[in-house]
Amino acid sequence: MGNIIDAVFIDRDGTIGGNCSVTYPGEFKLFPFSEEAIQLLKNSNIKIFAFTNQPGISRGESTASQFEAELLGFGFDKAYICPHRSKQKCSCRKPSPELLIRASNEYYVNLSKCVVIGDRWSDMLAGDSAGAKTILVKTGAGMDSLGKDRDKWSNMEPNYIAEDILDAVLWLLVPNK
């Protein structure tokens, strides 16, 4: 990409593992290539933040601390989680950029030097609203985001459309990939 990256924000479900639906901690499985992708970012001294909507927390189906422990165990530096359901009308649920802004304020990262990687239109809009670069992965809901859900984010284009999280990270780190 040619410039320095302050941080990478990565969605959970469908991006690093699982599928289009929520799988709770303890049952969630990473894609085989996700560990390598996370390690490549860590080896490049790039901050790695999870940012995820997890409405099951507000329904009592899991806890934020269970999600945080899992994500930190995968190698993330910090997890930013919206625990609310969409009908709760909170300010932190993606596509709002609030989780990105919180991280920026806490870690003093310049969002214009950050990248959002996710599989949903809401990830792309959150990143775009925050001024970050965006990468849509085709895993999880990625193909739906490019197809039947494209009208939800048609006013913007991701900086890159990747096959998966490893392809996304290699695009970021390997010049002329």
N, C-alpha and C. Protein backbone atom coordinates (compact mmCIF):
# COMPACT_ATOMS: atom_id res chain seq x y z
N MET A 1 0.82 -1.20 0.00
CA MET A 1 0.00 0.00 0.00
C MET A 1 0.85 1.26 0.00
N GLY A 2 2.07 1.15 0.46
CA GLY A 2 2.97 2.26 0.31
C GLY A 2 3.05 3.22 1.48
N ASN A 3 2.08 3.25 2.37
CA ASN A 3 2.19 4.16 3.51
C ASN A 3 2.08 3.36 4.81
N ILE A 4 2.41 4.00 5.88
CA ILE A 4 2.42 3.34 7.18
C ILE A 4 0.99 3.13 7.67
N ILE A 5 0.76 1.96 8.23
CA ILE A 5 -0.55 1.62 8.78
C ILE A 5 -0.48 1.73 10.29
N ASP A 6 -1.35 2.56 10.88
CA ASP A 6 -1.40 2.70 12.34
C ASP A 6 -2.04 1.48 13.00
N ALA A 7 -3.13 0.99 12.42
CA ALA A 7 -3.85 -0.14 13.02
C ALA A 7 -4.76 -0.78 11.97
N VAL A 8 -5.09 -2.04 12.22
CA VAL A 8 -6.05 -2.75 11.39
C VAL A 8 -7.20 -3.19 12.29
N PHE A 9 -8.40 -2.88 11.86
CA PHE A 9 -9.62 -3.27 12.57
C PHE A 9 -10.24 -4.44 11.80
N ILE A 10 -10.48 -5.53 12.52
CA ILE A 10 -10.96 -6.74 11.86
C ILE A 10 -12.25 -7.21 12.51
N ASP A 11 -13.24 -7.46 11.68
CA ASP A 11 -14.50 -8.02 12.11
C ASP A 11 -14.28 -9.48 12.51
N ARG A 12 -15.19 -10.04 13.30
CA ARG A 12 -15.06 -11.42 13.77
C ARG A 12 -15.79 -12.42 12.89
N ASP A 13 -17.11 -12.49 13.02
CA ASP A 13 -17.91 -13.53 12.38
C ASP A 13 -17.90 -13.40 10.87
N GLY A 14 -17.41 -14.45 10.20
CA GLY A 14 -17.34 -14.48 8.75
C GLY A 14 -16.06 -13.91 8.19
N THR A 15 -15.30 -13.18 9.00
CA THR A 15 -14.05 -12.57 8.53
C THR A 15 -12.84 -13.39 8.97
N ILE A 16 -12.75 -13.71 10.25
CA ILE A 16 -11.63 -14.52 10.73
C ILE A 16 -12.03 -15.98 10.95
N GLY A 17 -13.32 -16.25 10.95
CA GLY A 17 -13.80 -17.61 11.15
C GLY A 17 -15.31 -17.63 11.19
N GLY A 18 -15.85 -18.79 11.55
CA GLY A 18 -17.29 -18.93 11.64
C GLY A 18 -17.95 -18.80 10.29
N ASN A 19 -19.15 -18.26 10.28
CA ASN A 19 -19.90 -18.08 9.04
C ASN A 19 -20.74 -16.82 9.15
N CYS A 20 -21.83 -16.76 8.46
CA CYS A 20 -22.68 -15.55 8.45
C CYS A 20 -23.42 -15.34 9.76
N SER A 21 -23.53 -16.36 10.58
CA SER A 21 -24.24 -16.22 11.85
C SER A 21 -23.25 -16.18 13.01
N VAL A 22 -23.75 -15.81 14.17
CA VAL A 22 -22.89 -15.70 15.34
C VAL A 22 -22.64 -17.08 15.92
N THR A 23 -21.39 -17.35 16.20
CA THR A 23 -20.98 -18.54 16.93
C THR A 23 -20.34 -18.03 18.21
N TYR A 24 -20.81 -18.50 19.34
CA TYR A 24 -20.33 -17.96 20.62
C TYR A 24 -18.95 -18.50 21.01
N PRO A 25 -18.25 -17.75 21.84
CA PRO A 25 -16.93 -18.19 22.29
C PRO A 25 -16.98 -19.61 22.84
N GLY A 26 -15.92 -20.35 22.55
CA GLY A 26 -15.85 -21.76 22.94
C GLY A 26 -16.24 -22.68 21.80
N GLU A 27 -17.09 -22.18 20.90
CA GLU A 27 -17.50 -22.96 19.73
C GLU A 27 -16.99 -22.35 18.42
N PHE A 28 -16.49 -21.13 18.50
CA PHE A 28 -16.02 -20.41 17.32
C PHE A 28 -14.70 -21.01 16.85
N LYS A 29 -14.59 -21.21 15.54
CA LYS A 29 -13.37 -21.76 14.93
C LYS A 29 -12.82 -20.77 13.92
N LEU A 30 -11.52 -20.48 14.06
CA LEU A 30 -10.84 -19.64 13.08
C LEU A 30 -10.74 -20.37 11.74
N PHE A 31 -10.74 -19.61 10.66
CA PHE A 31 -10.39 -20.18 9.37
C PHE A 31 -8.93 -20.61 9.45
N PRO A 32 -8.52 -21.62 8.69
CA PRO A 32 -7.13 -22.11 8.78
C PRO A 32 -6.07 -21.04 8.49
N PHE A 33 -6.39 -20.06 7.69
CA PHE A 33 -5.44 -19.03 7.28
C PHE A 33 -5.46 -17.79 8.18
N SER A 34 -6.39 -17.72 9.13
CA SER A 34 -6.52 -16.51 9.96
C SER A 34 -5.35 -16.32 10.91
N GLU A 35 -4.86 -17.39 11.50
CA GLU A 35 -3.72 -17.26 12.42
C GLU A 35 -2.52 -16.68 11.69
N GLU A 36 -2.25 -17.15 10.48
CA GLU A 36 -1.13 -16.62 9.70
C GLU A 36 -1.33 -15.13 9.41
N ALA A 37 -2.53 -14.75 9.05
CA ALA A 37 -2.82 -13.34 8.75
C ALA A 37 -2.57 -12.46 9.98
N ILE A 38 -3.07 -12.90 11.13
CA ILE A 38 -2.88 -12.13 12.36
C ILE A 38 -1.39 -12.06 12.70
N GLN A 39 -0.67 -13.16 12.55
CA GLN A 39 0.76 -13.17 12.86
C GLN A 39 1.54 -12.25 11.94
N LEU A 40 1.17 -12.21 10.66
CA LEU A 40 1.85 -11.30 9.73
C LEU A 40 1.69 -9.84 10.18
N LEU A 41 0.50 -9.48 10.62
CA LEU A 41 0.28 -8.11 11.11
C LEU A 41 1.10 -7.86 12.38
N LYS A 42 1.10 -8.82 13.29
CA LYS A 42 1.86 -8.66 14.54
C LYS A 42 3.36 -8.53 14.23
N ASN A 43 3.86 -9.34 13.30
CA ASN A 43 5.28 -9.28 12.93
C ASN A 43 5.63 -7.94 12.29
N SER A 44 4.65 -7.26 11.75
CA SER A 44 4.86 -5.94 11.14
C SER A 44 4.64 -4.81 12.15
N ASN A 45 4.43 -5.17 13.41
CA ASN A 45 4.21 -4.19 14.50
C ASN A 45 3.02 -3.28 14.23
N ILE A 46 1.98 -3.86 13.69
CA ILE A 46 0.74 -3.12 13.44
C ILE A 46 -0.25 -3.51 14.53
N LYS A 47 -0.88 -2.52 15.14
CA LYS A 47 -1.92 -2.79 16.13
C LYS A 47 -3.09 -3.49 15.45
N ILE A 48 -3.63 -4.48 16.14
CA ILE A 48 -4.75 -5.25 15.59
C ILE A 48 -5.91 -5.18 16.57
N PHE A 49 -7.01 -4.60 16.10
CA PHE A 49 -8.20 -4.45 16.93
C PHE A 49 -9.36 -5.24 16.32
N ALA A 50 -10.07 -5.97 17.16
CA ALA A 50 -11.32 -6.58 16.73
C ALA A 50 -12.40 -5.53 16.89
N PHE A 51 -13.34 -5.49 15.96
CA PHE A 51 -14.53 -4.66 16.16
C PHE A 51 -15.71 -5.44 15.63
N THR A 52 -16.69 -5.62 16.52
CA THR A 52 -17.74 -6.58 16.21
C THR A 52 -19.05 -6.22 16.90
N ASN A 53 -20.15 -6.46 16.19
CA ASN A 53 -21.49 -6.36 16.79
C ASN A 53 -21.83 -7.72 17.37
N GLN A 54 -22.18 -7.78 18.65
CA GLN A 54 -22.53 -9.05 19.29
C GLN A 54 -23.80 -8.87 20.12
N PRO A 55 -24.97 -8.83 19.46
CA PRO A 55 -26.22 -8.59 20.16
C PRO A 55 -26.61 -9.70 21.14
N GLY A 56 -26.02 -10.86 21.02
CA GLY A 56 -26.30 -11.95 21.97
C GLY A 56 -25.91 -11.59 23.39
N ILE A 57 -25.00 -10.63 23.54
CA ILE A 57 -24.60 -10.19 24.88
C ILE A 57 -25.79 -9.53 25.57
N SER A 58 -26.51 -8.67 24.86
CA SER A 58 -27.66 -7.98 25.47
C SER A 58 -28.82 -8.94 25.73
N ARG A 59 -28.82 -10.07 25.04
CA ARG A 59 -29.85 -11.09 25.28
C ARG A 59 -29.43 -12.10 26.35
N GLY A 60 -28.23 -11.93 26.90
CA GLY A 60 -27.75 -12.82 27.95
C GLY A 60 -27.23 -14.15 27.44
N GLU A 61 -26.95 -14.26 26.16
CA GLU A 61 -26.49 -15.51 25.57
C GLU A 61 -24.98 -15.70 25.70
N SER A 62 -24.26 -14.64 26.00
CA SER A 62 -22.82 -14.68 26.21
C SER A 62 -22.45 -13.39 26.94
N THR A 63 -21.17 -13.21 27.21
CA THR A 63 -20.73 -11.99 27.88
C THR A 63 -19.64 -11.30 27.06
N ALA A 64 -19.52 -10.01 27.25
CA ALA A 64 -18.46 -9.27 26.58
C ALA A 64 -17.10 -9.81 26.98
N SER A 65 -16.94 -10.17 28.26
CA SER A 65 -15.63 -10.67 28.71
C SER A 65 -15.27 -12.00 28.04
N GLN A 66 -16.27 -12.84 27.72
CA GLN A 66 -15.99 -14.09 27.00
C GLN A 66 -15.50 -13.80 25.58
N PHE A 67 -16.16 -12.85 24.91
CA PHE A 67 -15.71 -12.46 23.58
C PHE A 67 -14.32 -11.83 23.63
N GLU A 68 -14.10 -10.94 24.59
CA GLU A 68 -12.80 -10.28 24.72
C GLU A 68 -11.69 -11.29 24.94
N ALA A 69 -11.89 -12.24 25.86
CA ALA A 69 -10.87 -13.25 26.16
C ALA A 69 -10.55 -14.07 24.91
N GLU A 70 -11.59 -14.45 24.18
CA GLU A 70 -11.37 -15.23 22.96
C GLU A 70 -10.54 -14.44 21.95
N LEU A 71 -10.95 -13.19 21.69
CA LEU A 71 -10.28 -12.38 20.68
C LEU A 71 -8.84 -12.05 21.08
N LEU A 72 -8.60 -11.77 22.35
CA LEU A 72 -7.23 -11.53 22.80
C LEU A 72 -6.41 -12.80 22.64
N GLY A 73 -7.01 -13.95 22.88
CA GLY A 73 -6.34 -15.23 22.70
C GLY A 73 -5.96 -15.49 21.25
N PHE A 74 -6.70 -14.93 20.32
CA PHE A 74 -6.37 -15.07 18.90
C PHE A 74 -5.23 -14.13 18.49
N GLY A 75 -4.85 -13.20 19.36
CA GLY A 75 -3.74 -12.29 19.06
C GLY A 75 -4.12 -10.83 18.88
N PHE A 76 -5.39 -10.50 19.06
CA PHE A 76 -5.79 -9.10 18.94
C PHE A 76 -5.24 -8.31 20.13
N ASP A 77 -4.93 -7.03 19.88
CA ASP A 77 -4.46 -6.15 20.95
C ASP A 77 -5.60 -5.69 21.84
N LYS A 78 -6.78 -5.55 21.26
CA LYS A 78 -7.95 -5.10 22.01
C LYS A 78 -9.19 -5.44 21.20
N ALA A 79 -10.29 -5.67 21.91
CA ALA A 79 -11.56 -5.95 21.25
C ALA A 79 -12.55 -4.84 21.56
N TYR A 80 -13.15 -4.29 20.52
CA TYR A 80 -14.19 -3.29 20.64
C TYR A 80 -15.49 -3.96 20.22
N ILE A 81 -16.42 -4.04 21.16
CA ILE A 81 -17.63 -4.84 20.97
C ILE A 81 -18.87 -4.00 21.24
N CYS A 82 -19.80 -4.03 20.29
CA CYS A 82 -21.13 -3.47 20.53
C CYS A 82 -22.00 -4.62 21.01
N PRO A 83 -22.53 -4.54 22.24
CA PRO A 83 -23.34 -5.63 22.78
C PRO A 83 -24.84 -5.47 22.51
N HIS A 84 -25.21 -4.46 21.75
CA HIS A 84 -26.63 -4.11 21.60
C HIS A 84 -27.28 -4.74 20.38
N ARG A 85 -28.60 -4.89 20.46
CA ARG A 85 -29.40 -5.30 19.31
C ARG A 85 -29.71 -4.06 18.48
N SER A 86 -29.99 -4.25 17.22
CA SER A 86 -30.23 -3.10 16.33
C SER A 86 -31.39 -2.24 16.81
N LYS A 87 -32.44 -2.86 17.37
CA LYS A 87 -33.59 -2.07 17.81
C LYS A 87 -33.32 -1.26 19.08
N GLN A 88 -32.17 -1.46 19.70
CA GLN A 88 -31.82 -0.65 20.88
C GLN A 88 -31.30 0.73 20.49
N LYS A 89 -31.03 0.93 19.22
CA LYS A 89 -30.64 2.24 18.69
C LYS A 89 -29.46 2.87 19.43
N CYS A 90 -28.43 2.07 19.71
CA CYS A 90 -27.23 2.59 20.37
C CYS A 90 -26.39 3.37 19.36
N SER A 91 -25.36 4.01 19.84
CA SER A 91 -24.48 4.76 18.95
C SER A 91 -23.24 3.96 18.54
N CYS A 92 -23.06 2.76 19.12
CA CYS A 92 -21.83 2.02 18.84
C CYS A 92 -21.99 0.89 17.83
N ARG A 93 -23.20 0.57 17.44
CA ARG A 93 -23.42 -0.56 16.53
C ARG A 93 -23.01 -0.19 15.10
N LYS A 94 -22.20 -1.04 14.49
CA LYS A 94 -21.86 -0.82 13.09
C LYS A 94 -23.15 -0.84 12.27
N PRO A 95 -23.31 0.06 11.34
CA PRO A 95 -22.29 0.78 10.60
C PRO A 95 -21.79 2.09 11.22
N SER A 96 -22.15 2.39 12.43
CA SER A 96 -21.59 3.57 13.10
C SER A 96 -20.08 3.39 13.24
N PRO A 97 -19.32 4.47 13.09
CA PRO A 97 -17.87 4.38 13.27
C PRO A 97 -17.43 4.52 14.73
N GLU A 98 -18.37 4.52 15.67
CA GLU A 98 -18.02 4.82 17.06
C GLU A 98 -16.95 3.90 17.65
N LEU A 99 -17.01 2.60 17.35
CA LEU A 99 -15.98 1.69 17.90
C LEU A 99 -14.59 2.06 17.37
N LEU A 100 -14.52 2.48 16.14
CA LEU A 100 -13.24 2.91 15.55
C LEU A 100 -12.76 4.20 16.21
N ILE A 101 -13.68 5.10 16.45
CA ILE A 101 -13.33 6.38 17.08
C ILE A 101 -12.86 6.14 18.52
N ARG A 102 -13.50 5.24 19.24
CA ARG A 102 -13.06 4.90 20.60
C ARG A 102 -11.61 4.41 20.59
N ALA A 103 -11.31 3.52 19.67
CA ALA A 103 -9.94 2.99 19.57
C ALA A 103 -8.95 4.10 19.22
N SER A 104 -9.36 4.97 18.31
CA SER A 104 -8.50 6.08 17.92
C SER A 104 -8.17 6.97 19.11
N ASN A 105 -9.19 7.26 19.92
CA ASN A 105 -8.98 8.10 21.10
C ASN A 105 -8.14 7.40 22.16
N GLU A 106 -8.36 6.11 22.32
CA GLU A 106 -7.64 5.35 23.35
C GLU A 106 -6.18 5.07 22.97
N TYR A 107 -5.93 4.78 21.70
CA TYR A 107 -4.59 4.40 21.26
C TYR A 107 -3.90 5.47 20.42
N TYR A 108 -4.54 6.61 20.23
CA TYR A 108 -3.98 7.72 19.46
C TYR A 108 -3.58 7.29 18.05
N VAL A 109 -4.45 6.51 17.40
CA VAL A 109 -4.20 6.14 16.02
C VAL A 109 -4.95 7.08 15.09
N ASN A 110 -4.33 7.38 13.98
CA ASN A 110 -4.92 8.23 12.96
C ASN A 110 -5.78 7.33 12.08
N LEU A 111 -7.08 7.51 12.12
CA LEU A 111 -7.97 6.63 11.38
C LEU A 111 -7.73 6.66 9.87
N SER A 112 -7.19 7.75 9.35
CA SER A 112 -6.89 7.79 7.92
C SER A 112 -5.69 6.91 7.57
N LYS A 113 -4.99 6.43 8.59
CA LYS A 113 -3.88 5.49 8.40
C LYS A 113 -4.25 4.11 8.94
N CYS A 114 -5.54 3.85 9.02
CA CYS A 114 -6.03 2.56 9.50
C CYS A 114 -6.79 1.85 8.39
N VAL A 115 -6.97 0.57 8.59
CA VAL A 115 -7.67 -0.27 7.62
C VAL A 115 -8.74 -1.07 8.35
N VAL A 116 -9.91 -1.18 7.74
CA VAL A 116 -10.99 -2.02 8.25
C VAL A 116 -11.11 -3.21 7.31
N ILE A 117 -11.11 -4.41 7.89
CA ILE A 117 -11.31 -5.63 7.12
C ILE A 117 -12.57 -6.31 7.65
N GLY A 118 -13.51 -6.58 6.77
CA GLY A 118 -14.74 -7.22 7.19
C GLY A 118 -15.48 -7.85 6.03
N ASP A 119 -16.56 -8.55 6.36
CA ASP A 119 -17.34 -9.26 5.34
C ASP A 119 -18.71 -8.64 5.11
N ARG A 120 -19.04 -7.59 5.82
CA ARG A 120 -20.40 -7.04 5.72
C ARG A 120 -20.38 -5.58 5.28
N TRP A 121 -21.50 -5.18 4.69
CA TRP A 121 -21.67 -3.79 4.27
C TRP A 121 -21.50 -2.85 5.46
N SER A 122 -21.92 -3.28 6.66
CA SER A 122 -21.82 -2.40 7.83
C SER A 122 -20.36 -2.16 8.23
N ASP A 123 -19.48 -3.13 8.00
CA ASP A 123 -18.05 -2.93 8.25
C ASP A 123 -17.49 -1.88 7.30
N MET A 124 -17.90 -1.98 6.02
CA MET A 124 -17.40 -1.06 5.00
C MET A 124 -17.87 0.36 5.29
N LEU A 125 -19.12 0.52 5.67
CA LEU A 125 -19.63 1.87 5.98
C LEU A 125 -18.98 2.45 7.23
N ALA A 126 -18.76 1.62 8.24
CA ALA A 126 -18.10 2.12 9.46
C ALA A 126 -16.70 2.63 9.12
N GLY A 127 -15.95 1.83 8.37
CA GLY A 127 -14.60 2.23 7.99
C GLY A 127 -14.60 3.49 7.13
N ASP A 128 -15.47 3.53 6.14
CA ASP A 128 -15.54 4.69 5.26
C ASP A 128 -15.92 5.95 6.04
N SER A 129 -16.89 5.83 6.94
CA SER A 129 -17.32 6.99 7.75
C SER A 129 -16.20 7.52 8.63
N ALA A 130 -15.31 6.61 9.06
CA ALA A 130 -14.21 7.01 9.94
C ALA A 130 -13.01 7.52 9.15
N GLY A 131 -13.05 7.39 7.83
CA GLY A 131 -11.92 7.83 7.01
C GLY A 131 -10.84 6.78 6.85
N ALA A 132 -11.14 5.53 7.21
CA ALA A 132 -10.17 4.44 7.09
C ALA A 132 -10.27 3.81 5.71
N LYS A 133 -9.23 3.10 5.34
CA LYS A 133 -9.29 2.28 4.14
C LYS A 133 -10.14 1.06 4.46
N THR A 134 -10.77 0.47 3.45
CA THR A 134 -11.65 -0.67 3.68
C THR A 134 -11.31 -1.82 2.74
N ILE A 135 -11.39 -3.03 3.31
CA ILE A 135 -11.20 -4.25 2.53
C ILE A 135 -12.36 -5.18 2.85
N LEU A 136 -13.07 -5.57 1.81
CA LEU A 136 -14.16 -6.54 1.96
C LEU A 136 -13.61 -7.92 1.63
N VAL A 137 -13.83 -8.87 2.54
CA VAL A 137 -13.46 -10.26 2.27
C VAL A 137 -14.69 -11.00 1.74
N LYS A 138 -14.46 -11.98 0.88
CA LYS A 138 -15.56 -12.74 0.27
C LYS A 138 -16.05 -13.87 1.16
N THR A 139 -15.38 -14.13 2.28
CA THR A 139 -15.83 -15.16 3.20
C THR A 139 -17.05 -14.66 3.97
N GLY A 140 -17.68 -15.54 4.74
CA GLY A 140 -18.84 -15.13 5.54
C GLY A 140 -19.93 -14.54 4.67
N ALA A 141 -20.34 -13.32 4.98
CA ALA A 141 -21.40 -12.63 4.24
C ALA A 141 -20.85 -11.77 3.10
N GLY A 142 -19.56 -11.93 2.79
CA GLY A 142 -18.93 -11.09 1.78
C GLY A 142 -19.60 -11.13 0.42
N MET A 143 -19.98 -12.31 -0.03
CA MET A 143 -20.62 -12.41 -1.34
C MET A 143 -22.01 -11.78 -1.32
N ASP A 144 -22.72 -11.90 -0.19
CA ASP A 144 -24.01 -11.21 -0.07
C ASP A 144 -23.81 -9.69 -0.07
N SER A 145 -22.73 -9.23 0.57
CA SER A 145 -22.45 -7.79 0.59
C SER A 145 -22.21 -7.26 -0.81
N LEU A 146 -21.60 -8.07 -1.65
CA LEU A 146 -21.35 -7.68 -3.03
C LEU A 146 -22.58 -7.85 -3.91
N GLY A 147 -23.51 -8.67 -3.47
CA GLY A 147 -24.70 -8.98 -4.27
C GLY A 147 -25.95 -8.35 -3.73
N LYS A 148 -26.76 -9.15 -3.01
CA LYS A 148 -28.09 -8.69 -2.60
C LYS A 148 -28.05 -7.51 -1.62
N ASP A 149 -26.95 -7.30 -0.90
CA ASP A 149 -26.86 -6.19 0.05
C ASP A 149 -26.09 -4.99 -0.51
N ARG A 150 -25.74 -5.02 -1.78
CA ARG A 150 -24.91 -3.95 -2.35
C ARG A 150 -25.59 -2.60 -2.30
N ASP A 151 -26.90 -2.56 -2.36
CA ASP A 151 -27.61 -1.28 -2.32
C ASP A 151 -27.45 -0.58 -0.97
N LYS A 152 -27.09 -1.31 0.08
CA LYS A 152 -26.95 -0.71 1.41
C LYS A 152 -25.69 0.13 1.55
N TRP A 153 -24.73 -0.07 0.65
CA TRP A 153 -23.47 0.68 0.73
C TRP A 153 -22.98 1.09 -0.65
N SER A 154 -23.92 1.33 -1.54
CA SER A 154 -23.57 1.59 -2.94
C SER A 154 -22.87 2.93 -3.16
N ASN A 155 -22.86 3.79 -2.16
CA ASN A 155 -22.22 5.09 -2.34
C ASN A 155 -20.72 5.05 -2.11
N MET A 156 -20.17 3.88 -1.80
CA MET A 156 -18.72 3.80 -1.60
C MET A 156 -18.20 2.50 -2.18
N GLU A 157 -16.92 2.46 -2.43
CA GLU A 157 -16.26 1.26 -2.94
C GLU A 157 -15.14 0.90 -1.96
N PRO A 158 -14.99 -0.37 -1.65
CA PRO A 158 -13.86 -0.75 -0.80
C PRO A 158 -12.55 -0.53 -1.55
N ASN A 159 -11.48 -0.33 -0.80
CA ASN A 159 -10.17 -0.16 -1.44
C ASN A 159 -9.69 -1.45 -2.09
N TYR A 160 -10.18 -2.58 -1.56
CA TYR A 160 -9.79 -3.88 -2.11
C TYR A 160 -10.87 -4.90 -1.76
N ILE A 161 -11.08 -5.83 -2.66
CA ILE A 161 -11.97 -6.96 -2.40
C ILE A 161 -11.08 -8.19 -2.36
N ALA A 162 -11.01 -8.84 -1.20
CA ALA A 162 -10.09 -9.96 -0.98
C ALA A 162 -10.84 -11.28 -0.93
N GLU A 163 -10.16 -12.33 -1.31
CA GLU A 163 -10.74 -13.67 -1.20
C GLU A 163 -11.01 -14.01 0.26
N ASP A 164 -10.07 -13.62 1.15
CA ASP A 164 -10.17 -13.95 2.57
C ASP A 164 -9.23 -13.03 3.36
N ILE A 165 -9.17 -13.23 4.65
CA ILE A 165 -8.36 -12.36 5.53
C ILE A 165 -6.86 -12.42 5.18
N LEU A 166 -6.37 -13.57 4.80
CA LEU A 166 -4.95 -13.68 4.44
C LEU A 166 -4.67 -12.89 3.17
N ASP A 167 -5.52 -13.00 2.18
CA ASP A 167 -5.38 -12.22 0.95
C ASP A 167 -5.40 -10.72 1.28
N ALA A 168 -6.28 -10.32 2.17
CA ALA A 168 -6.38 -8.91 2.58
C ALA A 168 -5.08 -8.42 3.21
N VAL A 169 -4.54 -9.21 4.13
CA VAL A 169 -3.31 -8.82 4.82
C VAL A 169 -2.12 -8.81 3.86
N LEU A 170 -2.05 -9.79 2.98
CA LEU A 170 -0.96 -9.80 2.00
C LEU A 170 -1.05 -8.58 1.09
N TRP A 171 -2.25 -8.18 0.71
CA TRP A 171 -2.42 -6.98 -0.12
C TRP A 171 -1.89 -5.75 0.62
N LEU A 172 -2.12 -5.71 1.93
CA LEU A 172 -1.64 -4.57 2.72
C LEU A 172 -0.13 -4.55 2.86
N LEU A 173 0.46 -5.71 3.04
CA LEU A 173 1.86 -5.80 3.44
C LEU A 173 2.85 -6.04 2.29
N VAL A 174 2.39 -6.64 1.21
CA VAL A 174 3.30 -7.01 0.13
C VAL A 174 3.13 -6.02 -1.02
N PRO A 175 4.15 -5.22 -1.27
CA PRO A 175 4.05 -4.25 -2.38
C PRO A 175 3.76 -4.95 -3.70
N ASN A 176 2.91 -4.33 -4.49
CA ASN A 176 2.58 -4.80 -5.83
C ASN A 176 1.95 -6.19 -5.86
N LYS A 177 1.31 -6.61 -4.78
CA LYS A 177 0.64 -7.91 -4.79
C LYS A 177 -0.53 -7.89 -5.74
